[in-house]
C-alpha atoms as a PDB file:
ATOM      1  CA  MET A   1     -72.879 -68.421  84.287  1.00  0.00           C
ATOM      2  CA  LEU A   2     -75.983 -69.638  86.149  1.00  0.00           C
ATOM      3  CA  THR A   3     -73.834 -70.274  89.224  1.00  0.00           C
ATOM      4  CA  THR A   4     -72.571 -66.686  89.094  1.00  0.00           C
ATOM      5  CA  TYR A   5     -76.108 -65.293  88.869  1.00  0.00           C
ATOM      6  CA  LEU A   6     -77.247 -67.440  91.797  1.00  0.00           C
ATOM      7  CA  ARG A   7     -74.254 -66.340  93.870  1.00  0.00           C
ATOM      8  CA  ASP A   8     -74.952 -62.687  93.088  1.00  0.00           C
ATOM      9  CA  PHE A   9     -78.622 -63.146  94.044  1.00  0.00           C
ATOM     10  CA  PHE A  10     -77.867 -64.792  97.389  1.00  0.00           C
ATOM     11  CA  ASN A  11     -75.116 -62.296  98.184  1.00  0.00           C
ATOM     12  CA  LEU A  12     -77.638 -59.503  97.662  1.00  0.00           C
ATOM     13  CA  PHE A  13     -80.308 -60.871 100.021  1.00  0.00           C
ATOM     14  CA  TYR A  14     -78.283 -63.234 102.222  1.00  0.00           C
ATOM     15  CA  PRO A  15     -74.844 -61.679 102.753  1.00  0.00           C
ATOM     16  CA  HIS A  16     -73.639 -64.355 105.185  1.00  0.00           C
ATOM     17  CA  VAL A  17     -72.587 -66.795 102.502  1.00  0.00           C
ATOM     18  CA  CYS A  18     -69.148 -67.794 101.352  1.00  0.00           C
ATOM     19  CA  PRO A  19     -68.292 -65.596  98.338  1.00  0.00           C
ATOM     20  CA  ALA A  20     -66.102 -68.354  96.924  1.00  0.00           C
ATOM     21  CA  CYS A  21     -68.595 -71.236  96.833  1.00  0.00           C
ATOM     22  CA  GLY A  22     -71.952 -69.682  97.790  1.00  0.00           C
ATOM     23  CA  ARG A  23     -72.483 -71.945 100.808  1.00  0.00           C
ATOM     24  CA  ALA A  24     -74.039 -70.401 103.918  1.00  0.00           C
ATOM     25  CA  LEU A  25     -71.419 -69.622 106.532  1.00  0.00           C
ATOM     26  CA  SER A  26     -71.606 -71.665 109.705  1.00  0.00           C
ATOM     27  CA  THR A  27     -71.292 -70.255 113.206  1.00  0.00           C
ATOM     28  CA  GLY A  28     -67.681 -69.266 113.793  1.00  0.00           C
ATOM     29  CA  GLU A  29     -66.819 -68.935 110.108  1.00  0.00           C
ATOM     30  CA  LYS A  30     -65.710 -65.458 109.043  1.00  0.00           C
ATOM     31  CA  ARG A  31     -65.921 -64.163 105.441  1.00  0.00           C
ATOM     32  CA  LEU A  32     -65.016 -67.556 103.904  1.00  0.00           C
ATOM     33  CA  CYS A  33     -66.201 -71.045 104.721  1.00  0.00           C
ATOM     34  CA  SER A  34     -63.705 -73.405 106.318  1.00  0.00           C
ATOM     35  CA  VAL A  35     -63.428 -75.577 103.209  1.00  0.00           C
ATOM     36  CA  CYS A  36     -62.606 -72.692 100.863  1.00  0.00           C
ATOM     37  CA  LEU A  37     -60.226 -71.220 103.409  1.00  0.00           C
ATOM     38  CA  TRP A  38     -58.422 -74.530 103.794  1.00  0.00           C
ATOM     39  CA  ARG A  39     -58.238 -75.155 100.040  1.00  0.00           C
ATOM     40  CA  MET A  40     -57.016 -71.725  98.937  1.00  0.00           C
ATOM     41  CA  PRO A  41     -54.448 -72.300  96.162  1.00  0.00           C
ATOM     42  CA  LYS A  42     -51.538 -70.600  97.914  1.00  0.00           C
ATOM     43  CA  THR A  43     -48.367 -69.863  95.964  1.00  0.00           C
ATOM     44  CA  ASN A  44     -45.910 -69.517  98.875  1.00  0.00           C
ATOM     45  CA  PHE A  45     -43.959 -67.120  96.628  1.00  0.00           C
ATOM     46  CA  HIS A  46     -43.269 -64.912  99.663  1.00  0.00           C
ATOM     47  CA  LEU A  47     -40.803 -67.588 100.767  1.00  0.00           C
ATOM     48  CA  GLN A  48     -38.998 -67.727  97.410  1.00  0.00           C
ATOM     49  CA  GLU A  49     -36.437 -65.063  96.593  1.00  0.00           C
ATOM     50  CA  ASP A  50     -36.761 -65.957  92.890  1.00  0.00           C
ATOM     51  CA  ASN A  51     -40.352 -66.557  91.788  1.00  0.00           C
ATOM     52  CA  PRO A  52     -42.574 -65.958  88.719  1.00  0.00           C
ATOM     53  CA  VAL A  53     -44.056 -62.727  90.127  1.00  0.00           C
ATOM     54  CA  LEU A  54     -40.660 -61.115  90.706  1.00  0.00           C
ATOM     55  CA  ARG A  55     -39.509 -62.167  87.238  1.00  0.00           C
ATOM     56  CA  ARG A  56     -42.242 -60.001  85.737  1.00  0.00           C
ATOM     57  CA  PHE A  57     -40.169 -56.964  86.724  1.00  0.00           C
ATOM     58  CA  TRP A  58     -36.708 -58.131  85.695  1.00  0.00           C
ATOM     59  CA  GLY A  59     -35.059 -55.639  83.358  1.00  0.00           C
ATOM     60  CA  LYS A  60     -37.983 -53.200  83.674  1.00  0.00           C
ATOM     61  CA  THR A  61     -37.816 -51.511  87.078  1.00  0.00           C
ATOM     62  CA  SER A  62     -36.214 -52.097  90.455  1.00  0.00           C
ATOM     63  CA  VAL A  63     -38.333 -54.346  92.686  1.00  0.00           C
ATOM     64  CA  SER A  64     -36.752 -55.852  95.785  1.00  0.00           C
ATOM     65  CA  SER A  65     -39.282 -58.638  96.387  1.00  0.00           C
ATOM     66  CA  ALA A  66     -42.594 -59.620  94.837  1.00  0.00           C
ATOM     67  CA  ALA A  67     -45.219 -62.240  95.592  1.00  0.00           C
ATOM     68  CA  SER A  68     -48.880 -63.186  95.295  1.00  0.00           C
ATOM     69  CA  PHE A  69     -50.977 -64.989  97.875  1.00  0.00           C
ATOM     70  CA  VAL A  70     -52.935 -67.351  95.605  1.00  0.00           C
ATOM     71  CA  PHE A  71     -53.159 -68.598  92.033  1.00  0.00           C
ATOM     72  CA  PHE A  72     -56.039 -67.318  89.869  1.00  0.00           C
ATOM     73  CA  ASP A  73     -58.031 -69.652  87.610  1.00  0.00           C
ATOM     74  CA  LYS A  74     -60.869 -68.270  85.517  1.00  0.00           C
ATOM     75  CA  GLY A  75     -64.252 -69.447  86.725  1.00  0.00           C
ATOM     76  CA  GLU A  76     -62.856 -70.852  89.967  1.00  0.00           C
ATOM     77  CA  LYS A  77     -63.220 -69.774  93.591  1.00  0.00           C
ATOM     78  CA  VAL A  78     -60.504 -67.109  93.625  1.00  0.00           C
ATOM     79  CA  GLN A  79     -62.261 -65.329  90.766  1.00  0.00           C
ATOM     80  CA  HIS A  80     -65.524 -65.447  92.734  1.00  0.00           C
ATOM     81  CA  MET A  81     -63.766 -63.850  95.722  1.00  0.00           C
ATOM     82  CA  LEU A  82     -62.348 -61.047  93.585  1.00  0.00           C
ATOM     83  CA  HIS A  83     -65.723 -60.489  91.926  1.00  0.00           C
ATOM     84  CA  SER A  84     -67.362 -60.155  95.338  1.00  0.00           C
ATOM     85  CA  LEU A  85     -64.679 -57.733  96.499  1.00  0.00           C
ATOM     86  CA  LYS A  86     -64.634 -55.552  93.380  1.00  0.00           C
ATOM     87  CA  TYR A  87     -68.265 -55.465  92.310  1.00  0.00           C
ATOM     88  CA  GLN A  88     -70.444 -56.462  95.281  1.00  0.00           C
ATOM     89  CA  ASN A  89     -69.162 -53.996  97.872  1.00  0.00           C
ATOM     90  CA  ASN A  90     -67.688 -56.829  99.931  1.00  0.00           C
ATOM     91  CA  THR A  91     -64.928 -54.631 101.297  1.00  0.00           C
ATOM     92  CA  GLU A  92     -64.725 -56.606 104.539  1.00  0.00           C
ATOM     93  CA  LEU A  93     -63.566 -59.570 102.468  1.00  0.00           C
ATOM     94  CA  GLY A  94     -60.669 -57.478 101.171  1.00  0.00           C
ATOM     95  CA  ILE A  95     -59.604 -56.613 104.719  1.00  0.00           C
ATOM     96  CA  PHE A  96     -59.907 -60.257 105.764  1.00  0.00           C
ATOM     97  CA  LEU A  97     -57.806 -61.517 102.841  1.00  0.00           C
ATOM     98  CA  GLY A  98     -55.235 -58.812 103.485  1.00  0.00           C
ATOM     99  CA  GLU A  99     -54.961 -59.867 107.116  1.00  0.00           C
ATOM    100  CA  LEU A 100     -54.445 -63.490 106.101  1.00  0.00           C
ATOM    101  CA  TYR A 101     -51.672 -62.579 103.697  1.00  0.00           C
ATOM    102  CA  GLY A 102     -50.153 -59.952 105.961  1.00  0.00           C
ATOM    103  CA  ALA A 103     -49.588 -62.528 108.704  1.00  0.00           C
ATOM    104  CA  GLU A 104     -47.494 -64.547 106.257  1.00  0.00           C
ATOM    105  CA  LEU A 105     -45.611 -61.577 104.780  1.00  0.00           C
ATOM    106  CA  LYS A 106     -44.695 -60.306 108.244  1.00  0.00           C
ATOM    107  CA  SER A 107     -42.818 -63.544 108.975  1.00  0.00           C
ATOM    108  CA  SER A 108     -41.042 -63.592 105.598  1.00  0.00           C
ATOM    109  CA  PRO A 109     -37.447 -62.267 105.554  1.00  0.00           C
ATOM    110  CA  LEU A 110     -38.172 -60.896 102.065  1.00  0.00           C
ATOM    111  CA  PHE A 111     -40.951 -58.582 103.303  1.00  0.00           C
ATOM    112  CA  SER A 112     -40.273 -58.048 107.006  1.00  0.00           C
ATOM    113  CA  SER A 113     -38.442 -54.758 106.370  1.00  0.00           C
ATOM    114  CA  CYS A 114     -41.398 -53.171 104.529  1.00  0.00           C
ATOM    115  CA  ASP A 115     -42.467 -50.085 106.460  1.00  0.00           C
ATOM    116  CA  GLY A 116     -45.115 -48.470 104.263  1.00  0.00           C
ATOM    117  CA  ILE A 117     -47.969 -49.783 102.105  1.00  0.00           C
ATOM    118  CA  VAL A 118     -49.142 -48.107  98.885  1.00  0.00           C
ATOM    119  CA  PRO A 119     -52.310 -49.478  97.225  1.00  0.00           C
ATOM    120  CA  VAL A 120     -52.450 -49.109  93.439  1.00  0.00           C
ATOM    121  CA  PRO A 121     -54.762 -46.098  92.938  1.00  0.00           C
ATOM    122  CA  LEU A 122     -57.833 -45.935  90.742  1.00  0.00           C
ATOM    123  CA  HIS A 123     -58.742 -42.868  88.742  1.00  0.00           C
ATOM    124  CA  LEU A 124     -61.445 -40.657  90.278  1.00  0.00           C
ATOM    125  CA  LYS A 125     -63.769 -41.568  87.419  1.00  0.00           C
ATOM    126  CA  LYS A 126     -63.525 -45.267  88.345  1.00  0.00           C
ATOM    127  CA  ILE A 127     -63.941 -44.469  92.037  1.00  0.00           C
ATOM    128  CA  ARG A 128     -67.163 -42.584  91.290  1.00  0.00           C
ATOM    129  CA  THR A 129     -68.464 -45.527  89.272  1.00  0.00           C
ATOM    130  CA  ARG A 130     -67.499 -48.318  91.688  1.00  0.00           C
ATOM    131  CA  GLY A 131     -67.589 -46.310  94.895  1.00  0.00           C
ATOM    132  CA  TYR A 132     -64.277 -47.564  96.272  1.00  0.00           C
ATOM    133  CA  ASN A 133     -60.843 -48.929  95.435  1.00  0.00           C
ATOM    134  CA  GLN A 134     -60.669 -52.651  96.238  1.00  0.00           C
ATOM    135  CA  SER A 135     -56.883 -52.481  96.740  1.00  0.00           C
ATOM    136  CA  ASP A 136     -57.365 -50.013  99.607  1.00  0.00           C
ATOM    137  CA  PHE A 137     -59.066 -52.729 101.641  1.00  0.00           C
ATOM    138  CA  ILE A 138     -56.484 -55.410 100.919  1.00  0.00           C
ATOM    139  CA  ALA A 139     -53.884 -52.833 101.972  1.00  0.00           C
ATOM    140  CA  GLU A 140     -55.837 -52.123 105.162  1.00  0.00           C
ATOM    141  CA  GLY A 141     -55.799 -55.808 106.060  1.00  0.00           C
ATOM    142  CA  LEU A 142     -52.081 -56.049 105.354  1.00  0.00           C
ATOM    143  CA  SER A 143     -51.532 -53.017 107.566  1.00  0.00           C
ATOM    144  CA  ASN A 144     -53.512 -54.573 110.416  1.00  0.00           C
ATOM    145  CA  ALA A 145     -51.431 -57.751 110.292  1.00  0.00           C
ATOM    146  CA  MET A 146     -48.017 -56.238 109.578  1.00  0.00           C
ATOM    147  CA  GLY A 147     -48.314 -53.214 111.849  1.00  0.00           C
ATOM    148  CA  ILE A 148     -47.186 -50.694 109.219  1.00  0.00           C
ATOM    149  CA  PRO A 149     -49.045 -47.665 107.815  1.00  0.00           C
ATOM    150  CA  VAL A 150     -50.969 -47.363 104.556  1.00  0.00           C
ATOM    151  CA  TYR A 151     -50.415 -44.339 102.308  1.00  0.00           C
ATOM    152  CA  LYS A 152     -53.558 -44.229 100.198  1.00  0.00           C
ATOM    153  CA  LYS A 153     -52.747 -40.851  98.656  1.00  0.00           C
ATOM    154  CA  PHE A 154     -49.070 -41.435  97.968  1.00  0.00           C
ATOM    155  CA  LEU A 155     -49.720 -42.085  94.270  1.00  0.00           C
ATOM    156  CA  THR A 156     -52.305 -40.508  91.986  1.00  0.00           C
ATOM    157  CA  ARG A 157     -53.673 -41.984  88.795  1.00  0.00           C
ATOM    158  CA  THR A 158     -53.790 -39.015  86.447  1.00  0.00           C
ATOM    159  CA  VAL A 159     -55.319 -40.705  83.391  1.00  0.00           C
ATOM    160  CA  ALA A 160     -58.480 -42.813  83.207  1.00  0.00           C
ATOM    161  CA  THR A 161     -56.980 -45.630  81.146  1.00  0.00           C
ATOM    162  CA  SER A 162     -59.045 -48.191  79.288  1.00  0.00           C
ATOM    163  CA  THR A 163     -59.442 -51.646  80.796  1.00  0.00           C
ATOM    164  CA  GLN A 164     -56.408 -53.927  80.694  1.00  0.00           C
ATOM    165  CA  THR A 165     -58.534 -56.994  79.998  1.00  0.00           C
ATOM    166  CA  ARG A 166     -57.622 -58.770  76.743  1.00  0.00           C
ATOM    167  CA  LYS A 167     -54.690 -56.431  76.056  1.00  0.00           C
ATOM    168  CA  ALA A 168     -51.327 -57.893  75.082  1.00  0.00           C
ATOM    169  CA  ARG A 169     -48.227 -57.294  77.244  1.00  0.00           C
ATOM    170  CA  TYR A 170     -46.869 -54.280  75.334  1.00  0.00           C
ATOM    171  CA  ALA A 171     -50.339 -52.778  74.876  1.00  0.00           C
ATOM    172  CA  ARG A 172     -50.865 -53.034  78.642  1.00  0.00           C
ATOM    173  CA  PHE A 173     -47.572 -51.224  79.259  1.00  0.00           C
ATOM    174  CA  GLU A 174     -48.482 -48.432  76.830  1.00  0.00           C
ATOM    175  CA  ASN A 175     -51.885 -48.159  78.498  1.00  0.00           C
ATOM    176  CA  VAL A 176     -50.412 -47.325  81.931  1.00  0.00           C
ATOM    177  CA  GLU A 177     -47.104 -45.672  81.017  1.00  0.00           C
ATOM    178  CA  ASN A 178     -46.806 -42.265  82.689  1.00  0.00           C
ATOM    179  CA  VAL A 179     -50.314 -42.374  84.199  1.00  0.00           C
ATOM    180  CA  PHE A 180     -49.150 -42.326  87.845  1.00  0.00           C
ATOM    181  CA  ARG A 181     -47.465 -39.524  89.739  1.00  0.00           C
ATOM    182  CA  LEU A 182     -46.266 -38.923  93.272  1.00  0.00           C
ATOM    183  CA  ASN A 183     -48.913 -36.990  95.143  1.00  0.00           C
ATOM    184  CA  GLY A 184     -46.745 -35.285  97.755  1.00  0.00           C
ATOM    185  CA  GLU A 185     -48.143 -37.248 100.710  1.00  0.00           C
ATOM    186  CA  LYS A 186     -45.539 -37.299 103.475  1.00  0.00           C
ATOM    187  CA  ALA A 187     -44.209 -40.779 104.216  1.00  0.00           C
ATOM    188  CA  ASP A 188     -41.326 -41.819 106.441  1.00  0.00           C
ATOM    189  CA  ALA A 189     -41.082 -45.241 104.807  1.00  0.00           C
ATOM    190  CA  LYS A 190     -37.897 -46.487 103.194  1.00  0.00           C
ATOM    191  CA  HIS A 191     -39.260 -49.794 101.903  1.00  0.00           C
ATOM    192  CA  PHE A 192     -42.616 -49.406 100.174  1.00  0.00           C
ATOM    193  CA  LEU A 193     -44.939 -52.355  99.564  1.00  0.00           C
ATOM    194  CA  ILE A 194     -47.165 -51.736  96.517  1.00  0.00           C
ATOM    195  CA  VAL A 195     -50.444 -53.642  96.757  1.00  0.00           C
ATOM    196  CA  ASP A 196     -53.008 -54.685  94.154  1.00  0.00           C
ATOM    197  CA  ASP A 197     -55.717 -57.320  93.898  1.00  0.00           C
ATOM    198  CA  ILE A 198     -54.214 -59.276  90.977  1.00  0.00           C
ATOM    199  CA  ILE A 199     -51.169 -59.322  88.708  1.00  0.00           C
ATOM    200  CA  THR A 200     -51.279 -60.494  85.110  1.00  0.00           C
ATOM    201  CA  THR A 201     -48.492 -58.998  83.011  1.00  0.00           C
ATOM    202  CA  GLY A 202     -47.424 -56.653  85.810  1.00  0.00           C
ATOM    203  CA  SER A 203     -47.608 -53.492  83.688  1.00  0.00           C
ATOM    204  CA  THR A 204     -49.654 -51.463  86.174  1.00  0.00           C
ATOM    205  CA  LEU A 205     -47.473 -52.445  89.110  1.00  0.00           C
ATOM    206  CA  GLU A 206     -44.357 -51.788  87.035  1.00  0.00           C
ATOM    207  CA  ALA A 207     -45.564 -48.251  86.340  1.00  0.00           C
ATOM    208  CA  CYS A 208     -46.270 -47.660  90.047  1.00  0.00           C
ATOM    209  CA  ALA A 209     -42.886 -49.033  91.069  1.00  0.00           C
ATOM    210  CA  SER A 210     -41.094 -46.869  88.498  1.00  0.00           C
ATOM    211  CA  CYS A 211     -42.845 -43.816  89.889  1.00  0.00           C
ATOM    212  CA  ILE A 212     -41.845 -44.543  93.496  1.00  0.00           C
ATOM    213  CA  ASN A 213     -38.321 -45.446  92.423  1.00  0.00           C
ATOM    214  CA  GLN A 214     -37.839 -41.790  91.514  1.00  0.00           C
ATOM    215  CA  ILE A 215     -37.382 -41.179  95.252  1.00  0.00           C
ATOM    216  CA  GLU A 216     -33.749 -41.474  96.235  1.00  0.00           C
ATOM    217  CA  GLY A 217     -32.827 -44.114  98.800  1.00  0.00           C
ATOM    218  CA  VAL A 218     -36.049 -46.159  98.852  1.00  0.00           C
ATOM    219  CA  LYS A 219     -36.792 -49.788  98.067  1.00  0.00           C
ATOM    220  CA  VAL A 220     -39.963 -51.095  96.459  1.00  0.00           C
ATOM    221  CA  SER A 221     -41.626 -54.495  96.828  1.00  0.00           C
ATOM    222  CA  VAL A 222     -44.904 -55.803  95.421  1.00  0.00           C
ATOM    223  CA  ALA A 223     -47.682 -57.959  96.870  1.00  0.00           C
ATOM    224  CA  THR A 224     -50.956 -58.967  95.234  1.00  0.00           C
ATOM    225  CA  PHE A 225     -53.750 -61.206  96.388  1.00  0.00           C
ATOM    226  CA  ALA A 226     -53.780 -63.264  93.185  1.00  0.00           C
ATOM    227  CA  CYS A 227     -51.647 -63.979  90.111  1.00  0.00           C
ATOM    228  CA  THR A 228     -52.592 -65.468  86.759  1.00  0.00           C
ATOM    229  CA  PHE A 229     -49.535 -67.665  86.232  1.00  0.00           C
END
């Protein structure tokens, strides 16, 4: 806890520190220090047609491919990165992480046909509180690396659901069931990539995928920065 407070303090007054470990960034280092960048706990799920992220959707909704960039461990560096992105206005970090992952997804046969990115939307109430949607910036980075457009208004979150934290799998599903709708934004994409910061049970992403799957003739894939399994 003390480490978290110290990191928050230094990030407030000295923004050029690594959000993962709190060390001052050296000349040439961008967003993350070289050590944390080198030691990121990558999953390589984007290279596996059958992986634990994709299995979250089996028997629930149609998802062509699914993957996460890194593994999440509570109290570890990936959590510090997400905390900085979500609560410390470190939106540039989200773009940077998205660009890292996008470079890998672009070269994966499982994701190379994706031609439109849809970030999981937040409700307007949450946007007003936080000021931004962290998934928008991960999506922006993915777009930069993959060369495909982002459709930030393609889905709308119509209900301000309670937090998913500490909810069981079925309770999470009930919490997000029927809370998303298509917003009418024009998109020429035929293979949508839904993007979020983290996947736990997959209920939120499942609800988004089910919504997009209402469109005839499209495919849906999923990519998140982190996963909890």
